[in-house]
PDB file of all heavy atoms in Angstrom:
ATOM      1  N   LEU A   1     110.770  79.931  98.937  1.00  0.00           N
ATOM      2  CA  LEU A   1     109.833  78.874  99.336  1.00  0.00           C
ATOM      3  C   LEU A   1     108.793  78.569  98.272  1.00  0.00           C
ATOM      4  O   LEU A   1     108.318  77.428  98.167  1.00  0.00           O
ATOM      5  CB  LEU A   1     109.147  79.244 100.656  1.00  0.00           C
ATOM      6  CG  LEU A   1     109.824  78.686 101.923  1.00  0.00           C
ATOM      7  CD1 LEU A   1     111.277  79.120 102.020  1.00  0.00           C
ATOM      8  CD2 LEU A   1     109.053  79.077 103.177  1.00  0.00           C
ATOM      9  N   ILE A   2     108.433  79.563  97.472  1.00  0.00           N
ATOM     10  CA  ILE A   2     107.401  79.301  96.461  1.00  0.00           C
ATOM     11  C   ILE A   2     107.875  78.243  95.476  1.00  0.00           C
ATOM     12  O   ILE A   2     107.072  77.481  94.925  1.00  0.00           O
ATOM     13  CB  ILE A   2     107.010  80.606  95.725  1.00  0.00           C
ATOM     14  CG1 ILE A   2     105.716  80.370  94.921  1.00  0.00           C
ATOM     15  CG2 ILE A   2     108.140  81.100  94.835  1.00  0.00           C
ATOM     16  CD1 ILE A   2     105.112  81.605  94.343  1.00  0.00           C
ATOM     17  N   ARG A   3     109.181  78.148  95.259  1.00  0.00           N
ATOM     18  CA  ARG A   3     109.730  77.148  94.335  1.00  0.00           C
ATOM     19  C   ARG A   3     109.557  75.732  94.872  1.00  0.00           C
ATOM     20  O   ARG A   3     109.680  74.763  94.132  1.00  0.00           O
ATOM     21  CB  ARG A   3     111.218  77.425  94.096  1.00  0.00           C
ATOM     22  CG  ARG A   3     111.506  78.770  93.435  1.00  0.00           C
ATOM     23  CD  ARG A   3     111.247  78.724  91.957  1.00  0.00           C
ATOM     24  NE  ARG A   3     111.406  80.030  91.319  1.00  0.00           N
ATOM     25  CZ  ARG A   3     111.351  80.224  90.012  1.00  0.00           C
ATOM     26  NH1 ARG A   3     111.160  79.197  89.206  1.00  0.00           N
ATOM     27  NH2 ARG A   3     111.479  81.441  89.499  1.00  0.00           N
ATOM     28  N   LEU A   4     109.270  75.607  96.176  1.00  0.00           N
ATOM     29  CA  LEU A   4     109.076  74.289  96.780  1.00  0.00           C
ATOM     30  C   LEU A   4     107.627  73.825  96.731  1.00  0.00           C
ATOM     31  O   LEU A   4     107.344  72.650  96.989  1.00  0.00           O
ATOM     32  CB  LEU A   4     109.552  74.306  98.238  1.00  0.00           C
ATOM     33  CG  LEU A   4     111.017  74.690  98.481  1.00  0.00           C
ATOM     34  CD1 LEU A   4     111.326  74.686  99.969  1.00  0.00           C
ATOM     35  CD2 LEU A   4     111.957  73.761  97.735  1.00  0.00           C
ATOM     36  N   VAL A   5     106.693  74.730  96.402  1.00  0.00           N
ATOM     37  CA  VAL A   5     105.277  74.360  96.460  1.00  0.00           C
ATOM     38  C   VAL A   5     104.548  74.546  95.141  1.00  0.00           C
ATOM     39  O   VAL A   5     103.399  74.087  94.995  1.00  0.00           O
ATOM     40  CB  VAL A   5     104.544  75.157  97.575  1.00  0.00           C
ATOM     41  CG1 VAL A   5     105.148  74.864  98.935  1.00  0.00           C
ATOM     42  CG2 VAL A   5     104.554  76.657  97.293  1.00  0.00           C
ATOM     43  N   VAL A   6     105.170  75.224  94.174  1.00  0.00           N
ATOM     44  CA  VAL A   6     104.504  75.521  92.904  1.00  0.00           C
ATOM     45  C   VAL A   6     105.431  75.146  91.747  1.00  0.00           C
ATOM     46  O   VAL A   6     106.621  75.466  91.786  1.00  0.00           O
ATOM     47  CB  VAL A   6     104.137  77.022  92.811  1.00  0.00           C
ATOM     48  CG1 VAL A   6     103.534  77.345  91.453  1.00  0.00           C
ATOM     49  CG2 VAL A   6     103.161  77.404  93.902  1.00  0.00           C
ATOM     50  N   PRO A   7     104.926  74.490  90.705  1.00  0.00           N
ATOM     51  CA  PRO A   7     105.764  74.212  89.530  1.00  0.00           C
ATOM     52  C   PRO A   7     106.265  75.507  88.902  1.00  0.00           C
ATOM     53  O   PRO A   7     105.569  76.534  88.909  1.00  0.00           O
ATOM     54  CB  PRO A   7     104.805  73.477  88.580  1.00  0.00           C
ATOM     55  CG  PRO A   7     103.710  72.966  89.445  1.00  0.00           C
ATOM     56  CD  PRO A   7     103.570  73.935  90.577  1.00  0.00           C
ATOM     57  N   ALA A   8     107.456  75.450  88.351  1.00  0.00           N
ATOM     58  CA  ALA A   8     108.081  76.653  87.793  1.00  0.00           C
ATOM     59  C   ALA A   8     107.225  77.296  86.714  1.00  0.00           C
ATOM     60  O   ALA A   8     107.187  78.529  86.592  1.00  0.00           O
ATOM     61  CB  ALA A   8     109.462  76.302  87.229  1.00  0.00           C
ATOM     62  N   GLU A   9     106.493  76.479  85.931  1.00  0.00           N
ATOM     63  CA  GLU A   9     105.687  77.038  84.842  1.00  0.00           C
ATOM     64  C   GLU A   9     104.481  77.825  85.349  1.00  0.00           C
ATOM     65  O   GLU A   9     103.825  78.530  84.582  1.00  0.00           O
ATOM     66  CB  GLU A   9     105.224  75.937  83.883  1.00  0.00           C
ATOM     67  CG  GLU A   9     104.413  74.829  84.525  1.00  0.00           C
ATOM     68  CD  GLU A   9     105.270  73.665  84.992  1.00  0.00           C
ATOM     69  OE1 GLU A   9     106.491  73.875  85.205  1.00  0.00           O
ATOM     70  OE2 GLU A   9     104.728  72.560  85.160  1.00  0.00           O
ATOM     71  N   GLU A  10     104.165  77.717  86.633  1.00  0.00           N
ATOM     72  CA  GLU A  10     103.046  78.485  87.190  1.00  0.00           C
ATOM     73  C   GLU A  10     103.516  79.748  87.905  1.00  0.00           C
ATOM     74  O   GLU A  10     102.723  80.437  88.538  1.00  0.00           O
ATOM     75  CB  GLU A  10     102.243  77.606  88.158  1.00  0.00           C
ATOM     76  CG  GLU A  10     101.537  76.441  87.473  1.00  0.00           C
ATOM     77  CD  GLU A  10     100.692  75.628  88.440  1.00  0.00           C
ATOM     78  OE1 GLU A  10     100.334  76.169  89.515  1.00  0.00           O
ATOM     79  OE2 GLU A  10     100.378  74.461  88.129  1.00  0.00           O
ATOM     80  N   ILE A  11     104.791  80.033  87.827  1.00  0.00           N
ATOM     81  CA  ILE A  11     105.342  81.229  88.469  1.00  0.00           C
ATOM     82  C   ILE A  11     105.699  82.263  87.407  1.00  0.00           C
ATOM     83  O   ILE A  11     106.520  82.003  86.524  1.00  0.00           O
ATOM     84  CB  ILE A  11     106.591  80.890  89.300  1.00  0.00           C
ATOM     85  CG1 ILE A  11     106.248  79.903  90.412  1.00  0.00           C
ATOM     86  CG2 ILE A  11     107.208  82.172  89.896  1.00  0.00           C
ATOM     87  CD1 ILE A  11     107.461  79.407  91.178  1.00  0.00           C
ATOM     88  N   GLU A  12     105.057  83.410  87.477  1.00  0.00           N
ATOM     89  CA  GLU A  12     105.434  84.562  86.647  1.00  0.00           C
ATOM     90  C   GLU A  12     106.432  85.377  87.466  1.00  0.00           C
ATOM     91  O   GLU A  12     106.062  86.036  88.436  1.00  0.00           O
ATOM     92  CB  GLU A  12     104.213  85.409  86.303  1.00  0.00           C
ATOM     93  CG  GLU A  12     103.282  84.785  85.291  1.00  0.00           C
ATOM     94  CD  GLU A  12     103.807  84.939  83.870  1.00  0.00           C
ATOM     95  OE1 GLU A  12     104.736  85.748  83.659  1.00  0.00           O
ATOM     96  OE2 GLU A  12     103.291  84.244  82.973  1.00  0.00           O
ATOM     97  N   SER A  13     107.707  85.318  87.083  1.00  0.00           N
ATOM     98  CA  SER A  13     108.752  85.937  87.898  1.00  0.00           C
ATOM     99  C   SER A  13     108.811  87.443  87.658  1.00  0.00           C
ATOM    100  O   SER A  13     109.774  87.986  87.122  1.00  0.00           O
ATOM    101  CB  SER A  13     110.100  85.300  87.601  1.00  0.00           C
ATOM    102  OG  SER A  13     111.081  85.806  88.487  1.00  0.00           O
ATOM    103  N   ARG A  14     107.750  88.100  88.042  1.00  0.00           N
ATOM    104  CA  ARG A  14     107.694  89.561  87.978  1.00  0.00           C
ATOM    105  C   ARG A  14     106.666  90.057  88.974  1.00  0.00           C
ATOM    106  O   ARG A  14     105.792  89.305  89.416  1.00  0.00           O
ATOM    107  CB  ARG A  14     107.334  90.046  86.571  1.00  0.00           C
ATOM    108  CG  ARG A  14     105.885  89.834  86.142  1.00  0.00           C
ATOM    109  CD  ARG A  14     105.664  90.410  84.748  1.00  0.00           C
ATOM    110  NE  ARG A  14     104.279  90.348  84.290  1.00  0.00           N
ATOM    111  CZ  ARG A  14     103.408  91.349  84.396  1.00  0.00           C
ATOM    112  NH1 ARG A  14     103.776  92.481  84.982  1.00  0.00           N
ATOM    113  NH2 ARG A  14     102.182  91.224  83.929  1.00  0.00           N
ATOM    114  N   THR A  15     106.784  91.299  89.341  1.00  0.00           N
ATOM    115  CA  THR A  15     105.812  91.895  90.238  1.00  0.00           C
ATOM    116  C   THR A  15     104.740  92.622  89.438  1.00  0.00           C
ATOM    117  O   THR A  15     104.997  93.093  88.322  1.00  0.00           O
ATOM    118  CB  THR A  15     106.491  92.882  91.216  1.00  0.00           C
ATOM    119  OG1 THR A  15     105.500  93.503  92.038  1.00  0.00           O
ATOM    120  CG2 THR A  15     107.252  93.965  90.458  1.00  0.00           C
ATOM    121  N   LEU A  16     103.547  92.701  89.984  1.00  0.00           N
ATOM    122  CA  LEU A  16     102.461  93.466  89.359  1.00  0.00           C
ATOM    123  C   LEU A  16     102.425  94.904  89.885  1.00  0.00           C
ATOM    124  O   LEU A  16     101.526  95.667  89.536  1.00  0.00           O
ATOM    125  CB  LEU A  16     101.116  92.778  89.615  1.00  0.00           C
ATOM    126  CG  LEU A  16     100.954  91.405  88.958  1.00  0.00           C
ATOM    127  CD1 LEU A  16      99.646  90.755  89.388  1.00  0.00           C
ATOM    128  CD2 LEU A  16     101.018  91.507  87.441  1.00  0.00           C
ATOM    129  N   THR A  17     103.395  95.239  90.718  1.00  0.00           N
ATOM    130  CA  THR A  17     103.495  96.591  91.271  1.00  0.00           C
ATOM    131  C   THR A  17     104.621  97.328  90.557  1.00  0.00           C
ATOM    132  O   THR A  17     105.768  96.877  90.554  1.00  0.00           O
ATOM    133  CB  THR A  17     103.763  96.547  92.781  1.00  0.00           C
ATOM    134  OG1 THR A  17     102.671  95.888  93.422  1.00  0.00           O
ATOM    135  CG2 THR A  17     103.907  97.947  93.351  1.00  0.00           C
ATOM    136  N   PHE A  18     104.295  98.443  89.950  1.00  0.00           N
ATOM    137  CA  PHE A  18     105.244  99.217  89.154  1.00  0.00           C
ATOM    138  C   PHE A  18     106.137 100.038  90.079  1.00  0.00           C
ATOM    139  O   PHE A  18     105.664 100.893  90.831  1.00  0.00           O
ATOM    140  CB  PHE A  18     104.479 100.133  88.210  1.00  0.00           C
ATOM    141  CG  PHE A  18     105.355 100.976  87.321  1.00  0.00           C
ATOM    142  CD1 PHE A  18     106.350 100.405  86.553  1.00  0.00           C
ATOM    143  CD2 PHE A  18     105.161 102.348  87.232  1.00  0.00           C
ATOM    144  CE1 PHE A  18     107.155 101.172  85.719  1.00  0.00           C
ATOM    145  CE2 PHE A  18     105.949 103.126  86.403  1.00  0.00           C
ATOM    146  CZ  PHE A  18     106.948 102.535  85.643  1.00  0.00           C
ATOM    147  N   LEU A  19     107.426  99.760  90.054  1.00  0.00           N
ATOM    148  CA  LEU A  19     108.377 100.546  90.807  1.00  0.00           C
ATOM    149  C   LEU A  19     109.669 100.607  90.011  1.00  0.00           C
ATOM    150  O   LEU A  19     110.008  99.680  89.276  1.00  0.00           O
ATOM    151  CB  LEU A  19     108.631  99.956  92.191  1.00  0.00           C
ATOM    152  CG  LEU A  19     109.295  98.576  92.316  1.00  0.00           C
ATOM    153  CD1 LEU A  19     109.863  98.398  93.711  1.00  0.00           C
ATOM    154  CD2 LEU A  19     108.311  97.447  92.029  1.00  0.00           C
ATOM    155  N   MET A  20     110.347 101.710  90.116  1.00  0.00           N
ATOM    156  CA  MET A  20     111.602 101.889  89.397  1.00  0.00           C
ATOM    157  C   MET A  20     112.648 102.420  90.365  1.00  0.00           C
ATOM    158  O   MET A  20     112.329 103.113  91.345  1.00  0.00           O
ATOM    159  CB  MET A  20     111.435 102.861  88.234  1.00  0.00           C
ATOM    160  CG  MET A  20     110.518 102.358  87.127  1.00  0.00           C
ATOM    161  SD  MET A  20     110.696 103.301  85.599  1.00  0.00           S
ATOM    162  CE  MET A  20     110.170 104.927  86.118  1.00  0.00           C
ATOM    163  N   PHE A  21     113.903 102.069  90.087  1.00  0.00           N
ATOM    164  CA  PHE A  21     115.013 102.521  90.901  1.00  0.00           C
ATOM    165  C   PHE A  21     115.968 103.338  90.039  1.00  0.00           C
ATOM    166  O   PHE A  21     116.169 103.040  88.862  1.00  0.00           O
ATOM    167  CB  PHE A  21     115.759 101.335  91.513  1.00  0.00           C
ATOM    168  CG  PHE A  21     114.959 100.624  92.567  1.00  0.00           C
ATOM    169  CD1 PHE A  21     114.062  99.623  92.224  1.00  0.00           C
ATOM    170  CD2 PHE A  21     115.098 100.965  93.899  1.00  0.00           C
ATOM    171  CE1 PHE A  21     113.319  98.974  93.186  1.00  0.00           C
ATOM    172  CE2 PHE A  21     114.357 100.316  94.873  1.00  0.00           C
ATOM    173  CZ  PHE A  21     113.468  99.320  94.515  1.00  0.00           C
ATOM    174  N   THR A  22     116.552 104.351  90.662  1.00  0.00           N
ATOM    175  CA  THR A  22     117.553 105.139  89.961  1.00  0.00           C
ATOM    176  C   THR A  22     118.825 104.320  89.818  1.00  0.00           C
ATOM    177  O   THR A  22     118.969 103.247  90.400  1.00  0.00           O
ATOM    178  CB  THR A  22     117.882 106.427  90.736  1.00  0.00           C
ATOM    179  OG1 THR A  22     118.589 106.061  91.931  1.00  0.00           O
ATOM    180  CG2 THR A  22     116.627 107.198  91.087  1.00  0.00           C
ATOM    181  N   ASP A  23     119.787 104.839  89.039  1.00  0.00           N
ATOM    182  CA  ASP A  23     121.050 104.130  88.890  1.00  0.00           C
ATOM    183  C   ASP A  23     121.873 104.174  90.169  1.00  0.00           C
ATOM    184  O   ASP A  23     122.961 103.607  90.227  1.00  0.00           O
ATOM    185  CB  ASP A  23     121.860 104.678  87.702  1.00  0.00           C
ATOM    186  CG  ASP A  23     122.041 106.184  87.749  1.00  0.00           C
ATOM    187  OD1 ASP A  23     121.405 106.819  88.597  1.00  0.00           O
ATOM    188  OD2 ASP A  23     122.818 106.719  86.952  1.00  0.00           O
ATOM    189  N   TYR A  24     121.379 104.833  91.203  1.00  0.00           N
ATOM    190  CA  TYR A  24     122.031 104.806  92.509  1.00  0.00           C
ATOM    191  C   TYR A  24     121.253 103.926  93.487  1.00  0.00           C
ATOM    192  O   TYR A  24     121.476 103.956  94.686  1.00  0.00           O
ATOM    193  CB  TYR A  24     122.166 106.231  93.081  1.00  0.00           C
ATOM    194  CG  TYR A  24     123.389 106.923  92.554  1.00  0.00           C
ATOM    195  CD1 TYR A  24     123.409 107.428  91.258  1.00  0.00           C
ATOM    196  CD2 TYR A  24     124.534 107.057  93.323  1.00  0.00           C
ATOM    197  CE1 TYR A  24     124.529 108.058  90.765  1.00  0.00           C
ATOM    198  CE2 TYR A  24     125.668 107.688  92.833  1.00  0.00           C
ATOM    199  CZ  TYR A  24     125.660 108.188  91.551  1.00  0.00           C
ATOM    200  OH  TYR A  24     126.772 108.805  91.062  1.00  0.00           O
ATOM    201  N   GLY A  25     120.303 103.145  92.967  1.00  0.00           N
ATOM    202  CA  GLY A  25     119.618 102.171  93.800  1.00  0.00           C
ATOM    203  C   GLY A  25     118.522 102.738  94.676  1.00  0.00           C
ATOM    204  O   GLY A  25     118.034 102.055  95.582  1.00  0.00           O
ATOM    205  N   MET A  26     118.098 103.964  94.440  1.00  0.00           N
ATOM    206  CA  MET A  26     117.048 104.568  95.253  1.00  0.00           C
ATOM    207  C   MET A  26     115.723 104.502  94.507  1.00  0.00           C
ATOM    208  O   MET A  26     115.679 104.650  93.277  1.00  0.00           O
ATOM    209  CB  MET A  26     117.383 106.029  95.572  1.00  0.00           C
ATOM    210  CG  MET A  26     118.689 106.202  96.337  1.00  0.00           C
ATOM    211  SD  MET A  26     118.763 105.253  97.871  1.00  0.00           S
ATOM    212  CE  MET A  26     117.402 105.987  98.786  1.00  0.00           C
ATOM    213  N   PRO A  27     114.610 104.266  95.237  1.00  0.00           N
ATOM    214  CA  PRO A  27     113.311 104.182  94.563  1.00  0.00           C
ATOM    215  C   PRO A  27     112.887 105.525  93.981  1.00  0.00           C
ATOM    216  O   PRO A  27     113.063 106.573  94.597  1.00  0.00           O
ATOM    217  CB  PRO A  27     112.363 103.741  95.693  1.00  0.00           C
ATOM    218  CG  PRO A  27     113.049 104.142  96.953  1.00  0.00           C
ATOM    219  CD  PRO A  27     114.521 104.051  96.687  1.00  0.00           C
ATOM    220  N   LEU A  28     112.341 105.486  92.774  1.00  0.00           N
ATOM    221  CA  LEU A  28     111.843 106.683  92.126  1.00  0.00           C
ATOM    222  C   LEU A  28     110.473 107.022  92.704  1.00  0.00           C
ATOM    223  O   LEU A  28     109.628 106.146  92.882  1.00  0.00           O
ATOM    224  CB  LEU A  28     111.731 106.454  90.624  1.00  0.00           C
ATOM    225  CG  LEU A  28     111.402 107.674  89.766  1.00  0.00           C
ATOM    226  CD1 LEU A  28     112.567 108.650  89.765  1.00  0.00           C
ATOM    227  CD2 LEU A  28     111.078 107.244  88.344  1.00  0.00           C
ATOM    228  N   VAL A  29     110.242 108.292  93.009  1.00  0.00           N
ATOM    229  CA  VAL A  29     108.982 108.753  93.592  1.00  0.00           C
ATOM    230  C   VAL A  29     108.136 109.366  92.490  1.00  0.00           C
ATOM    231  O   VAL A  29     108.629 110.099  91.636  1.00  0.00           O
ATOM    232  CB  VAL A  29     109.240 109.774  94.714  1.00  0.00           C
ATOM    233  CG1 VAL A  29     107.924 110.280  95.297  1.00  0.00           C
ATOM    234  CG2 VAL A  29     110.106 109.139  95.807  1.00  0.00           C
ATOM    235  N   PHE A  30     106.816 109.085  92.517  1.00  0.00           N
ATOM    236  CA  PHE A  30     105.903 109.580  91.496  1.00  0.00           C
ATOM    237  C   PHE A  30     105.100 110.771  92.024  1.00  0.00           C
ATOM    238  O   PHE A  30     104.641 110.774  93.166  1.00  0.00           O
ATOM    239  CB  PHE A  30     104.963 108.463  91.038  1.00  0.00           C
ATOM    240  CG  PHE A  30     105.690 107.291  90.426  1.00  0.00           C
ATOM    241  CD1 PHE A  30     105.709 106.058  91.061  1.00  0.00           C
ATOM    242  CD2 PHE A  30     106.379 107.430  89.229  1.00  0.00           C
ATOM    243  CE1 PHE A  30     106.388 104.984  90.507  1.00  0.00           C
ATOM    244  CE2 PHE A  30     107.059 106.366  88.666  1.00  0.00           C
ATOM    245  CZ  PHE A  30     107.068 105.141  89.314  1.00  0.00           C
ATOM    246  N   TYR A  31     104.925 111.761  91.124  1.00  0.00           N
ATOM    247  CA  TYR A  31     104.260 113.002  91.492  1.00  0.00           C
ATOM    248  C   TYR A  31     103.042 113.243  90.593  1.00  0.00           C
ATOM    249  O   TYR A  31     102.684 112.403  89.763  1.00  0.00           O
ATOM    250  CB  TYR A  31     105.251 114.172  91.403  1.00  0.00           C
ATOM    251  CG  TYR A  31     106.368 114.047  92.407  1.00  0.00           C
ATOM    252  CD1 TYR A  31     107.584 113.451  92.060  1.00  0.00           C
ATOM    253  CD2 TYR A  31     106.197 114.481  93.708  1.00  0.00           C
ATOM    254  CE1 TYR A  31     108.603 113.319  92.989  1.00  0.00           C
ATOM    255  CE2 TYR A  31     107.213 114.358  94.649  1.00  0.00           C
ATOM    256  CZ  TYR A  31     108.405 113.773  94.287  1.00  0.00           C
ATOM    257  OH  TYR A  31     109.412 113.639  95.215  1.00  0.00           O
ATOM    258  N   ASN A  32     102.411 114.403  90.748  1.00  0.00           N
ATOM    259  CA  ASN A  32     101.140 114.693  90.074  1.00  0.00           C
ATOM    260  C   ASN A  32     101.209 114.537  88.561  1.00  0.00           C
ATOM    261  O   ASN A  32     100.260 114.081  87.924  1.00  0.00           O
ATOM    262  CB  ASN A  32     100.687 116.118  90.418  1.00  0.00           C
ATOM    263  CG  ASN A  32     100.241 116.245  91.864  1.00  0.00           C
ATOM    264  OD1 ASN A  32      99.786 115.283  92.467  1.00  0.00           O
ATOM    265  ND2 ASN A  32     100.379 117.435  92.428  1.00  0.00           N
ATOM    266  N   ASP A  33     102.337 114.887  87.961  1.00  0.00           N
ATOM    267  CA  ASP A  33     102.425 114.862  86.501  1.00  0.00           C
ATOM    268  C   ASP A  33     102.764 113.479  85.937  1.00  0.00           C
ATOM    269  O   ASP A  33     103.017 113.349  84.742  1.00  0.00           O
ATOM    270  CB  ASP A  33     103.446 115.890  86.003  1.00  0.00           C
ATOM    271  CG  ASP A  33     104.830 115.692  86.606  1.00  0.00           C
ATOM    272  OD1 ASP A  33     104.959 114.859  87.529  1.00  0.00           O
ATOM    273  OD2 ASP A  33     105.770 116.368  86.157  1.00  0.00           O
ATOM    274  N   HIS A  34     102.746 112.453  86.777  1.00  0.00           N
ATOM    275  CA  HIS A  34     103.047 111.098  86.318  1.00  0.00           C
ATOM    276  C   HIS A  34     101.781 110.278  86.027  1.00  0.00           C
ATOM    277  O   HIS A  34     101.889 109.094  85.683  1.00  0.00           O
ATOM    278  CB  HIS A  34     103.897 110.339  87.354  1.00  0.00           C
ATOM    279  CG  HIS A  34     105.320 110.809  87.422  1.00  0.00           C
ATOM    280  ND1 HIS A  34     105.932 111.195  88.593  1.00  0.00           N
ATOM    281  CD2 HIS A  34     106.248 110.967  86.447  1.00  0.00           C
ATOM    282  CE1 HIS A  34     107.173 111.548  88.338  1.00  0.00           C
ATOM    283  NE2 HIS A  34     107.388 111.421  87.048  1.00  0.00           N
ATOM    284  N   TYR A  35     100.602 110.868  86.150  1.00  0.00           N
ATOM    285  CA  TYR A  35      99.361 110.104  86.041  1.00  0.00           C
ATOM    286  C   TYR A  35      99.254 109.352  84.715  1.00  0.00           C
ATOM    287  O   TYR A  35      99.041 108.122  84.691  1.00  0.00           O
ATOM    288  CB  TYR A  35      98.151 111.038  86.210  1.00  0.00           C
ATOM    289  CG  TYR A  35      96.818 110.350  86.004  1.00  0.00           C
ATOM    290  CD1 TYR A  35      96.208 109.643  87.046  1.00  0.00           C
ATOM    291  CD2 TYR A  35      96.156 110.406  84.774  1.00  0.00           C
ATOM    292  CE1 TYR A  35      94.981 109.010  86.863  1.00  0.00           C
ATOM    293  CE2 TYR A  35      94.939 109.773  84.585  1.00  0.00           C
ATOM    294  CZ  TYR A  35      94.362 109.084  85.628  1.00  0.00           C
ATOM    295  OH  TYR A  35      93.150 108.447  85.441  1.00  0.00           O
ATOM    296  N   ASP A  36      99.400 110.057  83.602  1.00  0.00           N
ATOM    297  CA  ASP A  36      99.219 109.427  82.288  1.00  0.00           C
ATOM    298  C   ASP A  36     100.244 108.323  82.048  1.00  0.00           C
ATOM    299  O   ASP A  36      99.930 107.278  81.483  1.00  0.00           O
ATOM    300  CB  ASP A  36      99.299 110.480  81.176  1.00  0.00           C
ATOM    301  CG  ASP A  36      98.121 111.440  81.218  1.00  0.00           C
ATOM    302  OD1 ASP A  36      97.010 110.979  81.517  1.00  0.00           O
ATOM    303  OD2 ASP A  36      98.316 112.636  80.958  1.00  0.00           O
ATOM    304  N   MET A  37     101.477 108.562  82.472  1.00  0.00           N
ATOM    305  CA  MET A  37     102.505 107.530  82.315  1.00  0.00           C
ATOM    306  C   MET A  37     102.178 106.298  83.146  1.00  0.00           C
ATOM    307  O   MET A  37     102.296 105.161  82.676  1.00  0.00           O
ATOM    308  CB  MET A  37     103.870 108.091  82.715  1.00  0.00           C
ATOM    309  CG  MET A  37     105.039 107.130  82.482  1.00  0.00           C
ATOM    310  SD  MET A  37     105.405 106.063  83.899  1.00  0.00           S
ATOM    311  CE  MET A  37     106.258 107.220  84.971  1.00  0.00           C
ATOM    312  N   LEU A  38     101.709 106.493  84.387  1.00  0.00           N
ATOM    313  CA  LEU A  38     101.455 105.360  85.280  1.00  0.00           C
ATOM    314  C   LEU A  38     100.335 104.458  84.780  1.00  0.00           C
ATOM    315  O   LEU A  38     100.457 103.231  84.773  1.00  0.00           O
ATOM    316  CB  LEU A  38     101.122 105.877  86.686  1.00  0.00           C
ATOM    317  CG  LEU A  38     102.289 106.437  87.500  1.00  0.00           C
ATOM    318  CD1 LEU A  38     101.794 107.021  88.816  1.00  0.00           C
ATOM    319  CD2 LEU A  38     103.342 105.376  87.752  1.00  0.00           C
ATOM    320  N   ILE A  39      99.225 105.040  84.354  1.00  0.00           N
ATOM    321  CA  ILE A  39      98.076 104.197  83.999  1.00  0.00           C
ATOM    322  C   ILE A  39      98.302 103.412  82.705  1.00  0.00           C
ATOM    323  O   ILE A  39      97.575 102.460  82.423  1.00  0.00           O
ATOM    324  CB  ILE A  39      96.774 105.028  83.895  1.00  0.00           C
ATOM    325  CG1 ILE A  39      96.828 106.006  82.727  1.00  0.00           C
ATOM    326  CG2 ILE A  39      96.486 105.740  85.201  1.00  0.00           C
ATOM    327  CD1 ILE A  39      95.496 106.687  82.453  1.00  0.00           C
ATOM    328  N   ASN A  40      99.331 103.787  81.947  1.00  0.00           N
ATOM    329  CA  ASN A  40      99.631 103.071  80.708  1.00  0.00           C
ATOM    330  C   ASN A  40     100.646 101.937  80.891  1.00  0.00           C
ATOM    331  O   ASN A  40     100.990 101.257  79.932  1.00  0.00           O
ATOM    332  CB  ASN A  40     100.157 104.044  79.649  1.00  0.00           C
ATOM    333  CG  ASN A  40      99.062 104.959  79.117  1.00  0.00           C
ATOM    334  OD1 ASN A  40      97.891 104.592  79.114  1.00  0.00           O
ATOM    335  ND2 ASN A  40      99.440 106.150  78.688  1.00  0.00           N
ATOM    336  N   GLN A  41     101.109 101.748  82.128  1.00  0.00           N
ATOM    337  CA  GLN A  41     102.081 100.683  82.369  1.00  0.00           C
ATOM    338  C   GLN A  41     101.372  99.337  82.533  1.00  0.00           C
ATOM    339  O   GLN A  41     100.221  99.270  82.971  1.00  0.00           O
ATOM    340  CB  GLN A  41     102.913 100.987  83.607  1.00  0.00           C
ATOM    341  CG  GLN A  41     103.651 102.321  83.556  1.00  0.00           C
ATOM    342  CD  GLN A  41     104.428 102.492  82.270  1.00  0.00           C
ATOM    343  OE1 GLN A  41     105.215 101.632  81.883  1.00  0.00           O
ATOM    344  NE2 GLN A  41     104.204 103.618  81.604  1.00  0.00           N
ATOM    345  N   ASN A  42     102.071  98.270  82.212  1.00  0.00           N
ATOM    346  CA  ASN A  42     101.512  96.923  82.291  1.00  0.00           C
ATOM    347  C   ASN A  42     101.629  96.393  83.722  1.00  0.00           C
ATOM    348  O   ASN A  42     102.209  95.335  83.977  1.00  0.00           O
ATOM    349  CB  ASN A  42     102.237  95.999  81.313  1.00  0.00           C
ATOM    350  CG  ASN A  42     101.530  94.662  81.170  1.00  0.00           C
ATOM    351  OD1 ASN A  42     100.339  94.540  81.433  1.00  0.00           O
ATOM    352  ND2 ASN A  42     102.270  93.639  80.758  1.00  0.00           N
ATOM    353  N   PHE A  43     101.064  97.149  84.648  1.00  0.00           N
ATOM    354  CA  PHE A  43     101.076  96.804  86.063  1.00  0.00           C
ATOM    355  C   PHE A  43      99.718  97.173  86.652  1.00  0.00           C
ATOM    356  O   PHE A  43      98.939  97.922  86.042  1.00  0.00           O
ATOM    357  CB  PHE A  43     102.183  97.563  86.803  1.00  0.00           C
ATOM    358  CG  PHE A  43     103.576  97.184  86.373  1.00  0.00           C
ATOM    359  CD1 PHE A  43     104.183  97.815  85.283  1.00  0.00           C
ATOM    360  CD2 PHE A  43     104.287  96.211  87.053  1.00  0.00           C
ATOM    361  CE1 PHE A  43     105.464  97.472  84.888  1.00  0.00           C
ATOM    362  CE2 PHE A  43     105.562  95.859  86.652  1.00  0.00           C
ATOM    363  CZ  PHE A  43     106.156  96.480  85.575  1.00  0.00           C
ATOM    364  N   LEU A  44      99.464  96.670  87.866  1.00  0.00           N
ATOM    365  CA  LEU A  44      98.176  96.934  88.516  1.00  0.00           C
ATOM    366  C   LEU A  44      98.268  98.021  89.587  1.00  0.00           C
ATOM    367  O   LEU A  44      97.305  98.753  89.817  1.00  0.00           O
ATOM    368  CB  LEU A  44      97.638  95.644  89.146  1.00  0.00           C
ATOM    369  CG  LEU A  44      97.534  94.436  88.212  1.00  0.00           C
ATOM    370  CD1 LEU A  44      96.934  93.248  88.952  1.00  0.00           C
ATOM    371  CD2 LEU A  44      96.722  94.779  86.971  1.00  0.00           C
TER     372      LEU A  44
END
């Protein structure tokens, strides 16, 4: 629906939420030792 109300040039086709999936399609879970890696990602 967003394509019906907003010009394509105003749509950044990416999420600002950092999530990764394994090669089996399952979401990767983050633990205590992931802090430094997480804050350096280009996500909010």
